[in-house]
N, C-alpha and C. Protein backbone atom coordinates (compact mmCIF):
# COMPACT_ATOMS: atom_id res chain seq x y z
N MET A 1 95.33 104.50 127.06
CA MET A 1 94.50 104.55 125.87
C MET A 1 94.96 105.70 124.97
N ILE A 2 94.81 105.50 123.67
CA ILE A 2 95.14 106.54 122.71
C ILE A 2 93.94 106.80 121.81
N LYS A 3 94.01 107.87 121.07
CA LYS A 3 93.08 108.06 119.97
C LYS A 3 93.93 108.36 118.75
N ALA A 4 93.66 107.68 117.68
CA ALA A 4 94.47 107.79 116.48
C ALA A 4 93.56 107.95 115.27
N GLY A 5 94.17 108.14 114.09
CA GLY A 5 93.42 108.32 112.87
C GLY A 5 93.59 107.16 111.90
N TYR A 6 92.97 107.30 110.76
CA TYR A 6 93.03 106.24 109.75
C TYR A 6 94.45 105.90 109.36
N ALA A 7 95.31 106.92 109.26
CA ALA A 7 96.69 106.69 108.84
C ALA A 7 97.48 105.84 109.82
N ASP A 8 96.99 105.72 111.05
CA ASP A 8 97.70 104.95 112.07
C ASP A 8 97.29 103.48 112.11
N LEU A 9 96.21 103.12 111.40
CA LEU A 9 95.62 101.80 111.57
C LEU A 9 96.55 100.66 111.14
N ARG A 10 97.25 100.82 110.03
CA ARG A 10 98.09 99.71 109.56
C ARG A 10 99.27 99.48 110.50
N ASN A 11 99.80 100.52 111.09
CA ASN A 11 100.86 100.33 112.08
C ASN A 11 100.33 99.62 113.32
N LEU A 12 99.11 99.95 113.73
CA LEU A 12 98.51 99.26 114.86
C LEU A 12 98.29 97.78 114.53
N MET A 13 97.84 97.50 113.32
CA MET A 13 97.63 96.11 112.91
C MET A 13 98.95 95.34 112.87
N ALA A 14 100.02 96.02 112.45
CA ALA A 14 101.31 95.35 112.32
C ALA A 14 101.85 94.86 113.65
N ALA A 15 101.36 95.44 114.75
CA ALA A 15 101.80 95.01 116.08
C ALA A 15 101.20 93.67 116.48
N MET A 16 100.19 93.21 115.74
CA MET A 16 99.52 91.95 116.05
C MET A 16 100.02 90.87 115.09
N THR A 17 100.77 89.93 115.60
CA THR A 17 101.35 88.88 114.77
C THR A 17 100.85 87.51 115.20
N GLY A 18 101.05 86.53 114.32
CA GLY A 18 100.67 85.16 114.63
C GLY A 18 99.43 84.68 113.91
N ASP A 19 98.76 85.59 113.18
CA ASP A 19 97.56 85.19 112.45
C ASP A 19 97.63 85.71 111.02
N GLU A 20 98.85 85.65 110.46
CA GLU A 20 99.08 86.22 109.13
C GLU A 20 98.23 85.57 108.04
N LYS A 21 97.80 84.34 108.24
CA LYS A 21 96.99 83.69 107.22
C LYS A 21 95.65 84.40 107.02
N HIS A 22 95.26 85.19 108.01
CA HIS A 22 94.01 85.94 107.91
C HIS A 22 94.24 87.42 107.67
N SER A 23 95.44 87.79 107.24
CA SER A 23 95.73 89.21 107.04
C SER A 23 94.86 89.81 105.93
N ASN A 24 94.61 89.06 104.88
CA ASN A 24 93.75 89.58 103.81
C ASN A 24 92.31 89.75 104.29
N ALA A 25 91.86 88.80 105.11
CA ALA A 25 90.51 88.92 105.67
C ALA A 25 90.40 90.17 106.53
N ALA A 26 91.48 90.48 107.25
CA ALA A 26 91.47 91.68 108.10
C ALA A 26 91.48 92.95 107.26
N THR A 27 92.40 93.04 106.32
CA THR A 27 92.51 94.28 105.54
C THR A 27 91.27 94.53 104.68
N SER A 28 90.55 93.47 104.32
CA SER A 28 89.34 93.66 103.51
C SER A 28 88.27 94.43 104.28
N THR A 29 88.34 94.41 105.61
CA THR A 29 87.33 95.08 106.43
C THR A 29 87.77 96.45 106.92
N LEU A 30 89.02 96.81 106.70
CA LEU A 30 89.60 97.98 107.37
C LEU A 30 88.84 99.27 107.06
N ASP A 31 88.58 99.55 105.80
CA ASP A 31 87.93 100.80 105.44
C ASP A 31 86.48 100.85 105.91
N VAL A 32 85.78 99.73 105.79
CA VAL A 32 84.40 99.67 106.27
C VAL A 32 84.35 99.95 107.77
N LEU A 33 85.21 99.29 108.53
CA LEU A 33 85.21 99.48 109.98
C LEU A 33 85.53 100.92 110.34
N TRP A 34 86.51 101.51 109.67
CA TRP A 34 86.88 102.88 110.00
C TRP A 34 85.73 103.84 109.74
N VAL A 35 85.10 103.73 108.58
CA VAL A 35 84.00 104.65 108.25
C VAL A 35 82.84 104.47 109.22
N LEU A 36 82.54 103.23 109.57
CA LEU A 36 81.46 103.01 110.53
C LEU A 36 81.75 103.68 111.87
N TYR A 37 82.93 103.43 112.42
CA TYR A 37 83.24 103.96 113.74
C TYR A 37 83.55 105.45 113.71
N ASP A 38 84.02 105.96 112.60
CA ASP A 38 84.39 107.37 112.52
C ASP A 38 83.23 108.27 112.14
N ARG A 39 82.25 107.74 111.38
CA ARG A 39 81.22 108.63 110.85
C ARG A 39 79.79 108.20 111.14
N VAL A 40 79.59 106.96 111.53
CA VAL A 40 78.22 106.43 111.55
C VAL A 40 77.77 106.00 112.94
N LEU A 41 78.49 105.11 113.56
CA LEU A 41 78.04 104.51 114.81
C LEU A 41 77.99 105.52 115.95
N ARG A 42 76.90 105.52 116.67
CA ARG A 42 76.77 106.33 117.88
C ARG A 42 77.13 105.42 119.07
N VAL A 43 78.41 105.32 119.33
CA VAL A 43 78.87 104.45 120.41
C VAL A 43 80.19 105.00 120.95
N SER A 44 80.38 104.86 122.25
CA SER A 44 81.59 105.32 122.91
C SER A 44 82.03 104.26 123.90
N PRO A 45 83.24 104.39 124.45
CA PRO A 45 83.66 103.41 125.45
C PRO A 45 82.74 103.29 126.65
N ALA A 46 81.89 104.29 126.89
CA ALA A 46 80.93 104.21 127.99
C ALA A 46 79.82 103.20 127.72
N MET A 47 79.59 102.85 126.45
CA MET A 47 78.60 101.84 126.05
C MET A 47 77.21 102.14 126.64
N GLU A 48 76.71 103.33 126.36
CA GLU A 48 75.40 103.73 126.84
C GLU A 48 74.31 102.79 126.33
N GLU A 49 73.23 102.68 127.07
CA GLU A 49 72.17 101.72 126.74
C GLU A 49 71.55 101.99 125.37
N GLU A 50 71.40 103.26 124.99
CA GLU A 50 70.76 103.57 123.71
C GLU A 50 71.78 103.74 122.59
N ARG A 51 72.95 103.16 122.77
CA ARG A 51 74.00 103.21 121.74
C ARG A 51 73.58 102.38 120.52
N ASP A 52 74.25 102.66 119.40
CA ASP A 52 74.17 101.75 118.27
C ASP A 52 74.96 100.50 118.60
N ARG A 53 74.55 99.38 118.03
CA ARG A 53 75.23 98.10 118.24
C ARG A 53 75.96 97.69 116.96
N PHE A 54 77.18 97.19 117.12
CA PHE A 54 77.93 96.66 115.98
C PHE A 54 78.29 95.21 116.26
N TYR A 55 77.92 94.32 115.33
CA TYR A 55 78.18 92.89 115.46
C TYR A 55 79.14 92.45 114.37
N LEU A 56 80.29 91.95 114.76
CA LEU A 56 81.25 91.42 113.81
C LEU A 56 80.96 89.93 113.62
N SER A 57 80.28 89.60 112.54
CA SER A 57 80.01 88.20 112.24
C SER A 57 81.20 87.57 111.53
N LYS A 58 81.87 88.37 110.69
CA LYS A 58 83.08 87.93 109.98
C LYS A 58 84.25 88.06 110.96
N GLY A 59 84.33 87.12 111.91
CA GLY A 59 85.18 87.31 113.07
C GLY A 59 86.63 86.88 112.91
N HIS A 60 86.93 86.06 111.89
CA HIS A 60 88.32 85.64 111.72
C HIS A 60 89.14 86.81 111.18
N GLY A 61 90.38 86.90 111.63
CA GLY A 61 91.23 88.03 111.24
C GLY A 61 90.74 89.33 111.84
N PRO A 62 90.64 89.43 113.19
CA PRO A 62 90.06 90.62 113.80
C PRO A 62 91.03 91.78 113.99
N MET A 63 92.22 91.70 113.38
CA MET A 63 93.24 92.72 113.63
C MET A 63 92.75 94.13 113.27
N ALA A 64 92.04 94.28 112.16
CA ALA A 64 91.54 95.60 111.78
C ALA A 64 90.51 96.11 112.80
N TYR A 65 89.68 95.21 113.28
CA TYR A 65 88.66 95.58 114.28
C TYR A 65 89.33 96.07 115.55
N TYR A 66 90.32 95.32 116.04
CA TYR A 66 91.03 95.75 117.25
C TYR A 66 91.74 97.08 117.03
N ALA A 67 92.32 97.27 115.85
CA ALA A 67 93.03 98.52 115.57
C ALA A 67 92.07 99.71 115.59
N VAL A 68 90.90 99.55 114.99
CA VAL A 68 89.92 100.64 114.98
C VAL A 68 89.42 100.91 116.40
N LEU A 69 89.16 99.86 117.17
CA LEU A 69 88.73 100.07 118.56
C LEU A 69 89.80 100.81 119.37
N ALA A 70 91.06 100.48 119.13
CA ALA A 70 92.13 101.20 119.82
C ALA A 70 92.17 102.66 119.39
N ALA A 71 92.03 102.90 118.10
CA ALA A 71 92.06 104.27 117.59
C ALA A 71 90.93 105.12 118.17
N LYS A 72 89.84 104.48 118.53
CA LYS A 72 88.68 105.20 119.07
C LYS A 72 88.62 105.15 120.59
N GLY A 73 89.66 104.66 121.23
CA GLY A 73 89.75 104.74 122.67
C GLY A 73 89.14 103.61 123.46
N PHE A 74 88.75 102.53 122.79
CA PHE A 74 88.16 101.38 123.49
C PHE A 74 89.24 100.46 124.08
N LEU A 75 90.36 100.33 123.37
CA LEU A 75 91.40 99.37 123.74
C LEU A 75 92.74 100.06 123.94
N ASP A 76 93.58 99.43 124.77
CA ASP A 76 94.95 99.88 124.94
C ASP A 76 95.83 99.12 123.94
N PRO A 77 96.45 99.80 122.99
CA PRO A 77 97.26 99.10 121.99
C PRO A 77 98.47 98.40 122.56
N ALA A 78 98.82 98.67 123.80
CA ALA A 78 99.94 97.95 124.42
C ALA A 78 99.65 96.45 124.48
N GLU A 79 98.37 96.09 124.47
CA GLU A 79 98.00 94.67 124.52
C GLU A 79 98.25 93.97 123.19
N PHE A 80 98.44 94.74 122.11
CA PHE A 80 98.57 94.15 120.78
C PHE A 80 99.78 93.23 120.68
N GLU A 81 100.83 93.51 121.44
CA GLU A 81 102.02 92.66 121.38
C GLU A 81 101.76 91.27 121.93
N ARG A 82 100.66 91.11 122.68
CA ARG A 82 100.30 89.80 123.24
C ARG A 82 99.11 89.19 122.49
N PHE A 83 98.78 89.74 121.34
CA PHE A 83 97.66 89.25 120.54
C PHE A 83 97.76 87.74 120.33
N GLY A 84 96.69 87.03 120.69
CA GLY A 84 96.63 85.59 120.48
C GLY A 84 97.46 84.77 121.44
N ALA A 85 98.14 85.41 122.39
CA ALA A 85 98.98 84.68 123.33
C ALA A 85 98.15 84.11 124.48
N PHE A 86 98.73 83.19 125.21
CA PHE A 86 98.06 82.58 126.34
C PHE A 86 97.66 83.65 127.36
N GLN A 87 96.39 83.65 127.73
CA GLN A 87 95.80 84.58 128.69
C GLN A 87 95.71 86.02 128.18
N SER A 88 95.97 86.25 126.90
CA SER A 88 95.72 87.57 126.35
C SER A 88 94.21 87.78 126.19
N THR A 89 93.77 89.00 126.39
CA THR A 89 92.35 89.30 126.17
C THR A 89 91.99 89.34 124.69
N LEU A 90 93.00 89.50 123.82
CA LEU A 90 92.76 89.65 122.39
C LEU A 90 93.01 88.32 121.67
N GLY A 91 91.95 87.58 121.44
CA GLY A 91 92.08 86.30 120.76
C GLY A 91 91.94 86.43 119.26
N HIS A 92 92.10 85.31 118.58
CA HIS A 92 91.94 85.28 117.13
C HIS A 92 90.49 85.41 116.71
N HIS A 93 89.58 85.29 117.65
CA HIS A 93 88.18 85.69 117.50
C HIS A 93 87.85 86.58 118.68
N PRO A 94 87.17 87.71 118.47
CA PRO A 94 86.85 88.61 119.58
C PRO A 94 85.92 87.94 120.61
N ASP A 95 86.16 88.25 121.88
CA ASP A 95 85.38 87.70 122.98
C ASP A 95 84.70 88.86 123.71
N ARG A 96 83.38 88.87 123.71
CA ARG A 96 82.65 90.00 124.30
C ARG A 96 82.86 90.12 125.81
N VAL A 97 83.24 89.03 126.46
CA VAL A 97 83.47 89.08 127.90
C VAL A 97 84.81 89.73 128.24
N LEU A 98 85.77 89.58 127.33
CA LEU A 98 87.14 90.03 127.61
C LEU A 98 87.50 91.36 126.99
N VAL A 99 86.89 91.71 125.88
CA VAL A 99 87.35 92.87 125.10
C VAL A 99 86.35 94.02 125.20
N PRO A 100 86.75 95.18 125.72
CA PRO A 100 85.84 96.33 125.79
C PRO A 100 85.33 96.74 124.42
N GLY A 101 84.04 97.04 124.36
CA GLY A 101 83.44 97.51 123.11
C GLY A 101 82.90 96.43 122.22
N ILE A 102 83.17 95.16 122.53
CA ILE A 102 82.70 94.05 121.69
C ILE A 102 81.29 93.66 122.12
N GLU A 103 80.38 93.58 121.16
CA GLU A 103 78.99 93.24 121.47
C GLU A 103 78.73 91.74 121.45
N ILE A 104 79.35 91.01 120.53
CA ILE A 104 79.15 89.56 120.46
C ILE A 104 80.49 88.87 120.25
N SER A 105 80.60 87.67 120.79
CA SER A 105 81.77 86.83 120.51
C SER A 105 81.55 86.17 119.16
N SER A 106 82.58 86.16 118.34
CA SER A 106 82.43 85.54 117.03
C SER A 106 82.93 84.10 117.07
N GLY A 107 82.52 83.34 116.09
CA GLY A 107 82.91 81.93 116.02
C GLY A 107 82.52 81.38 114.68
N SER A 108 81.58 80.45 114.66
CA SER A 108 81.12 79.87 113.39
C SER A 108 80.51 80.95 112.52
N LEU A 109 80.84 80.91 111.25
CA LEU A 109 80.27 81.88 110.33
C LEU A 109 78.76 81.68 110.21
N GLY A 110 78.06 82.79 110.03
CA GLY A 110 76.62 82.71 109.80
C GLY A 110 75.77 82.96 111.02
N HIS A 111 76.39 83.32 112.16
CA HIS A 111 75.59 83.51 113.36
C HIS A 111 75.32 84.97 113.68
N GLY A 112 76.09 85.90 113.12
CA GLY A 112 75.96 87.31 113.49
C GLY A 112 74.64 87.93 113.09
N LEU A 113 74.19 87.68 111.87
CA LEU A 113 72.94 88.27 111.41
C LEU A 113 71.73 87.74 112.19
N PRO A 114 71.61 86.44 112.42
CA PRO A 114 70.49 85.98 113.25
C PRO A 114 70.48 86.60 114.64
N LEU A 115 71.66 86.77 115.25
CA LEU A 115 71.72 87.43 116.55
C LEU A 115 71.25 88.88 116.46
N ALA A 116 71.64 89.56 115.40
CA ALA A 116 71.24 90.95 115.23
C ALA A 116 69.73 91.08 115.02
N VAL A 117 69.13 90.13 114.32
CA VAL A 117 67.68 90.13 114.16
C VAL A 117 67.00 90.03 115.53
N GLY A 118 67.52 89.14 116.38
CA GLY A 118 66.96 89.04 117.72
C GLY A 118 67.13 90.31 118.52
N THR A 119 68.29 90.97 118.38
CA THR A 119 68.52 92.24 119.07
C THR A 119 67.55 93.31 118.60
N ALA A 120 67.34 93.39 117.30
CA ALA A 120 66.40 94.38 116.75
C ALA A 120 65.00 94.16 117.30
N LEU A 121 64.59 92.91 117.40
CA LEU A 121 63.27 92.62 117.96
C LEU A 121 63.21 92.99 119.44
N GLY A 122 64.31 92.70 120.17
CA GLY A 122 64.35 93.04 121.59
C GLY A 122 64.30 94.53 121.83
N LEU A 123 65.06 95.31 121.03
CA LEU A 123 65.04 96.76 121.17
C LEU A 123 63.66 97.32 120.81
N ARG A 124 63.03 96.75 119.81
CA ARG A 124 61.69 97.19 119.44
C ARG A 124 60.72 96.93 120.59
N ALA A 125 60.80 95.77 121.20
CA ALA A 125 59.90 95.44 122.31
C ALA A 125 60.09 96.37 123.50
N ARG A 126 61.32 96.86 123.68
CA ARG A 126 61.62 97.76 124.80
C ARG A 126 61.38 99.22 124.46
N GLY A 127 60.99 99.50 123.23
CA GLY A 127 60.72 100.86 122.83
C GLY A 127 61.97 101.69 122.56
N ILE A 128 63.12 101.02 122.37
CA ILE A 128 64.36 101.73 122.05
C ILE A 128 64.50 101.76 120.53
N ASP A 129 63.96 102.81 119.93
CA ASP A 129 63.92 102.86 118.46
C ASP A 129 65.00 103.75 117.87
N SER A 130 65.84 104.34 118.72
CA SER A 130 66.89 105.21 118.21
C SER A 130 68.21 104.47 117.98
N ALA A 131 68.31 103.24 118.48
CA ALA A 131 69.56 102.48 118.38
C ALA A 131 69.56 101.63 117.11
N ALA A 132 70.56 101.86 116.26
CA ALA A 132 70.71 101.05 115.05
C ALA A 132 71.58 99.84 115.36
N ILE A 133 71.35 98.76 114.62
CA ILE A 133 72.17 97.55 114.73
C ILE A 133 72.87 97.36 113.40
N TRP A 134 74.20 97.23 113.46
CA TRP A 134 75.02 97.02 112.27
C TRP A 134 75.72 95.68 112.36
N VAL A 135 75.69 94.92 111.27
CA VAL A 135 76.34 93.61 111.21
C VAL A 135 77.33 93.61 110.04
N LEU A 136 78.56 93.22 110.32
CA LEU A 136 79.56 93.07 109.26
C LEU A 136 79.69 91.60 108.92
N MET A 137 79.37 91.26 107.68
CA MET A 137 79.43 89.90 107.19
C MET A 137 80.43 89.80 106.04
N GLY A 138 80.86 88.57 105.77
CA GLY A 138 81.64 88.29 104.58
C GLY A 138 80.81 87.53 103.57
N ASP A 139 81.16 87.65 102.28
CA ASP A 139 80.35 86.96 101.28
C ASP A 139 80.45 85.45 101.43
N GLY A 140 81.53 84.94 102.04
CA GLY A 140 81.63 83.51 102.28
C GLY A 140 80.58 83.01 103.26
N GLU A 141 80.14 83.88 104.16
CA GLU A 141 79.09 83.50 105.11
C GLU A 141 77.75 83.27 104.41
N PHE A 142 77.65 83.79 103.21
CA PHE A 142 76.38 83.67 102.48
C PHE A 142 76.06 82.23 102.13
N ASP A 143 77.04 81.34 102.28
CA ASP A 143 76.79 79.92 102.03
C ASP A 143 76.05 79.26 103.20
N GLU A 144 75.91 79.96 104.32
CA GLU A 144 75.26 79.41 105.51
C GLU A 144 73.75 79.65 105.47
N GLY A 145 72.99 78.59 105.65
CA GLY A 145 71.54 78.70 105.57
C GLY A 145 70.93 79.59 106.63
N SER A 146 71.58 79.71 107.78
CA SER A 146 71.03 80.55 108.85
C SER A 146 70.87 82.00 108.41
N ASN A 147 71.77 82.47 107.56
CA ASN A 147 71.67 83.84 107.08
C ASN A 147 70.45 84.04 106.20
N HIS A 148 70.13 83.07 105.38
CA HIS A 148 68.99 83.23 104.48
C HIS A 148 67.68 83.25 105.25
N GLU A 149 67.60 82.48 106.32
CA GLU A 149 66.41 82.53 107.17
C GLU A 149 66.30 83.91 107.82
N ALA A 150 67.43 84.44 108.30
CA ALA A 150 67.42 85.76 108.95
C ALA A 150 67.06 86.85 107.96
N ILE A 151 67.59 86.78 106.74
CA ILE A 151 67.26 87.77 105.71
C ILE A 151 65.77 87.77 105.41
N ALA A 152 65.20 86.59 105.25
CA ALA A 152 63.78 86.49 104.93
C ALA A 152 62.92 87.03 106.07
N TYR A 153 63.25 86.67 107.29
CA TYR A 153 62.44 87.12 108.42
C TYR A 153 62.55 88.63 108.62
N ALA A 154 63.78 89.16 108.56
CA ALA A 154 63.99 90.59 108.83
C ALA A 154 63.20 91.46 107.85
N GLY A 155 63.16 91.04 106.59
CA GLY A 155 62.40 91.81 105.61
C GLY A 155 60.91 91.82 105.91
N ARG A 156 60.39 90.67 106.30
CA ARG A 156 58.97 90.57 106.59
C ARG A 156 58.59 91.26 107.90
N ALA A 157 59.56 91.34 108.81
CA ALA A 157 59.30 92.01 110.09
C ALA A 157 59.58 93.51 110.04
N SER A 158 60.00 93.99 108.88
CA SER A 158 60.25 95.43 108.67
C SER A 158 61.20 96.00 109.73
N LEU A 159 62.34 95.34 109.91
CA LEU A 159 63.30 95.74 110.94
C LEU A 159 64.17 96.90 110.44
N GLU A 160 63.61 98.09 110.50
CA GLU A 160 64.28 99.28 109.97
C GLU A 160 65.58 99.58 110.69
N GLN A 161 65.71 99.19 111.97
CA GLN A 161 66.92 99.47 112.72
C GLN A 161 68.11 98.61 112.29
N LEU A 162 67.83 97.57 111.51
CA LEU A 162 68.85 96.58 111.16
C LEU A 162 69.59 96.97 109.88
N ASN A 163 70.91 96.92 109.94
CA ASN A 163 71.76 97.23 108.80
C ASN A 163 72.84 96.16 108.66
N VAL A 164 73.11 95.77 107.43
CA VAL A 164 74.17 94.81 107.14
C VAL A 164 75.20 95.47 106.23
N VAL A 165 76.47 95.24 106.52
CA VAL A 165 77.54 95.55 105.58
C VAL A 165 78.15 94.23 105.17
N LEU A 166 78.11 93.91 103.90
CA LEU A 166 78.61 92.64 103.41
C LEU A 166 79.87 92.88 102.59
N ILE A 167 80.99 92.36 103.08
CA ILE A 167 82.26 92.47 102.36
C ILE A 167 82.27 91.45 101.23
N ASP A 168 82.33 91.92 100.00
CA ASP A 168 82.34 91.03 98.85
C ASP A 168 83.73 91.01 98.23
N ASN A 169 84.49 89.95 98.56
CA ASN A 169 85.79 89.76 97.92
C ASN A 169 85.83 88.46 97.13
N SER A 170 84.64 88.03 96.69
CA SER A 170 84.48 86.83 95.85
C SER A 170 85.07 85.59 96.51
N SER A 171 84.85 85.45 97.81
CA SER A 171 85.36 84.28 98.52
C SER A 171 84.30 83.21 98.76
N ALA A 172 83.06 83.48 98.37
CA ALA A 172 82.00 82.49 98.57
C ALA A 172 82.21 81.28 97.66
N SER A 173 81.89 80.12 98.16
CA SER A 173 82.07 78.89 97.38
C SER A 173 81.12 78.83 96.20
N HIS A 174 79.91 79.34 96.38
CA HIS A 174 78.88 79.18 95.35
C HIS A 174 78.47 80.49 94.70
N GLY A 175 78.61 81.60 95.42
CA GLY A 175 78.18 82.87 94.86
C GLY A 175 76.66 82.99 94.83
N TRP A 176 76.20 84.05 94.18
CA TRP A 176 74.76 84.27 94.09
C TRP A 176 74.46 85.00 92.79
N PRO A 177 73.44 84.55 92.03
CA PRO A 177 73.13 85.22 90.76
C PRO A 177 72.84 86.71 90.98
N ASP A 178 73.47 87.55 90.17
CA ASP A 178 73.31 89.00 90.23
C ASP A 178 73.86 89.61 91.51
N GLY A 179 74.72 88.85 92.22
CA GLY A 179 75.34 89.37 93.42
C GLY A 179 74.49 89.16 94.66
N PRO A 180 75.09 89.17 95.84
CA PRO A 180 74.33 88.92 97.06
C PRO A 180 73.24 89.94 97.33
N GLU A 181 73.41 91.17 96.82
CA GLU A 181 72.38 92.18 97.06
C GLU A 181 71.03 91.77 96.48
N ALA A 182 71.06 90.94 95.43
CA ALA A 182 69.80 90.48 94.84
C ALA A 182 69.00 89.63 95.81
N ARG A 183 69.69 88.84 96.63
CA ARG A 183 69.01 88.01 97.62
C ARG A 183 68.31 88.86 98.66
N PHE A 184 68.98 89.92 99.11
CA PHE A 184 68.36 90.82 100.08
C PHE A 184 67.18 91.56 99.47
N SER A 185 67.36 92.07 98.25
CA SER A 185 66.29 92.83 97.60
C SER A 185 65.03 91.99 97.44
N THR A 186 65.20 90.72 97.09
CA THR A 186 64.06 89.83 96.92
C THR A 186 63.22 89.74 98.19
N GLU A 187 63.89 89.84 99.33
CA GLU A 187 63.19 89.72 100.61
C GLU A 187 62.77 91.07 101.19
N GLY A 188 62.86 92.14 100.38
CA GLY A 188 62.32 93.42 100.81
C GLY A 188 63.30 94.36 101.46
N TRP A 189 64.59 94.04 101.41
CA TRP A 189 65.61 94.93 101.96
C TRP A 189 65.94 96.05 100.98
N ALA A 190 66.37 97.20 101.50
CA ALA A 190 66.99 98.23 100.67
C ALA A 190 68.44 97.83 100.46
N ALA A 191 68.87 97.73 99.21
CA ALA A 191 70.20 97.19 98.92
C ALA A 191 70.95 98.09 97.96
N THR A 192 72.26 98.24 98.23
CA THR A 192 73.11 99.01 97.33
C THR A 192 74.51 98.41 97.35
N ARG A 193 75.28 98.63 96.30
CA ARG A 193 76.67 98.17 96.21
C ARG A 193 77.56 99.39 96.03
N VAL A 194 78.68 99.41 96.78
CA VAL A 194 79.61 100.53 96.69
C VAL A 194 81.04 100.00 96.64
N ASP A 195 81.96 100.88 96.28
CA ASP A 195 83.38 100.59 96.32
C ASP A 195 83.80 100.49 97.79
N GLY A 196 84.27 99.33 98.19
CA GLY A 196 84.59 99.08 99.58
C GLY A 196 85.84 99.74 100.09
N ARG A 197 86.56 100.49 99.24
CA ARG A 197 87.73 101.25 99.68
C ARG A 197 87.50 102.76 99.61
N ASP A 198 86.37 103.18 99.07
CA ASP A 198 86.06 104.60 98.90
C ASP A 198 85.28 105.08 100.12
N HIS A 199 85.91 105.87 100.96
CA HIS A 199 85.29 106.27 102.22
C HIS A 199 84.04 107.12 102.01
N GLU A 200 84.04 107.97 101.01
CA GLU A 200 82.86 108.80 100.76
C GLU A 200 81.68 107.94 100.27
N ALA A 201 81.98 107.00 99.39
CA ALA A 201 80.92 106.12 98.90
C ALA A 201 80.37 105.24 100.01
N LEU A 202 81.26 104.75 100.87
CA LEU A 202 80.81 103.95 102.01
C LEU A 202 79.91 104.76 102.93
N ALA A 203 80.35 105.96 103.28
CA ALA A 203 79.56 106.80 104.18
C ALA A 203 78.18 107.10 103.59
N ALA A 204 78.15 107.42 102.30
CA ALA A 204 76.87 107.71 101.65
C ALA A 204 75.96 106.49 101.69
N GLY A 205 76.52 105.31 101.43
CA GLY A 205 75.72 104.09 101.48
C GLY A 205 75.22 103.79 102.88
N PHE A 206 76.08 103.99 103.88
CA PHE A 206 75.69 103.69 105.25
C PHE A 206 74.61 104.65 105.76
N LEU A 207 74.66 105.89 105.33
CA LEU A 207 73.74 106.91 105.84
C LEU A 207 72.48 107.05 105.01
N ARG A 208 72.34 106.26 103.97
CA ARG A 208 71.14 106.34 103.13
C ARG A 208 69.93 105.80 103.90
N PRO A 209 68.87 106.58 104.03
CA PRO A 209 67.69 106.11 104.78
C PRO A 209 67.01 104.93 104.08
N HIS A 210 66.39 104.05 104.89
CA HIS A 210 65.60 102.96 104.32
C HIS A 210 64.37 102.76 105.20
N PRO A 211 63.47 103.72 105.19
CA PRO A 211 62.31 103.69 106.09
C PRO A 211 61.45 102.44 105.89
N GLY A 212 61.11 101.80 107.01
CA GLY A 212 60.20 100.67 106.98
C GLY A 212 60.80 99.34 106.59
N ARG A 213 62.11 99.30 106.35
CA ARG A 213 62.72 98.03 105.98
C ARG A 213 64.21 98.02 106.34
N PRO A 214 64.79 96.84 106.50
CA PRO A 214 66.22 96.77 106.79
C PRO A 214 67.05 97.14 105.56
N GLY A 215 68.32 97.44 105.80
CA GLY A 215 69.18 97.85 104.68
C GLY A 215 70.48 97.08 104.65
N VAL A 216 71.01 96.90 103.43
CA VAL A 216 72.30 96.24 103.25
C VAL A 216 73.15 97.06 102.30
N VAL A 217 74.43 97.19 102.63
CA VAL A 217 75.42 97.80 101.75
C VAL A 217 76.44 96.72 101.42
N VAL A 218 76.56 96.37 100.15
CA VAL A 218 77.57 95.42 99.71
C VAL A 218 78.82 96.21 99.36
N ALA A 219 79.90 95.94 100.09
CA ALA A 219 81.16 96.65 99.89
C ALA A 219 82.08 95.80 99.02
N ASP A 220 82.28 96.22 97.79
CA ASP A 220 83.09 95.48 96.83
C ASP A 220 84.56 95.82 97.07
N VAL A 221 85.32 94.86 97.58
CA VAL A 221 86.73 95.13 97.86
C VAL A 221 87.67 94.44 96.89
N GLU A 222 87.14 93.59 96.03
CA GLU A 222 88.02 92.89 95.09
C GLU A 222 88.41 93.77 93.92
N HIS A 223 87.44 94.54 93.41
CA HIS A 223 87.69 95.33 92.22
C HIS A 223 87.80 96.81 92.53
N SER A 224 87.93 97.16 93.80
CA SER A 224 87.93 98.57 94.16
C SER A 224 89.33 99.17 94.06
N SER A 225 89.35 100.48 94.03
CA SER A 225 90.60 101.24 94.02
C SER A 225 90.51 102.28 95.12
N GLY A 226 91.42 103.22 95.15
CA GLY A 226 91.32 104.27 96.15
C GLY A 226 92.18 103.93 97.35
N HIS A 227 91.61 104.05 98.57
CA HIS A 227 92.38 103.94 99.82
C HIS A 227 93.16 102.65 99.88
């Protein structure tokens, strides 16, 4: 195992080949993932019970996710050369049974947020109120009805532990009037939009308190500059 920094991530990603069609999907999440794991999430390879939970709902193109996990000591980057190969632990979608540090297996878009809502309710029932749940979504997932049901319920249930980071690279088929943050705000969420490549702006958005309600940070990666 190694521990590396942000400057090492692209070289780590370059070791994973065979899924180049999703390279843009991967790089769109790179800065968000790094800031979350470097500055926000309370989680270590030991996976303590009261850890923060991170759910990758935008599961296609997981190269950036694997690179960040390797940089933080969860994964051995030697496995990257076998990425996507037969019997490799690192598939084109992360598998929670095979990959250390993975909380949920990804698959069909639109399932991560509903799962996180259930986790927030479960942690609340167990009295574990210090653990935050973070979900990384793509704006294309916003076309899935399951997300809208989860958004509506989470706001009404006042799930303060629940946080969403939504990567907005204008890939949604239909879009949303006034941006996706408007949909969350309507349902009682605390919502903000930041430059998805600006690490300071991301950190400030992620760490902004939202007492009594869930929060969403829309990370704009299409029109951003910086990193």
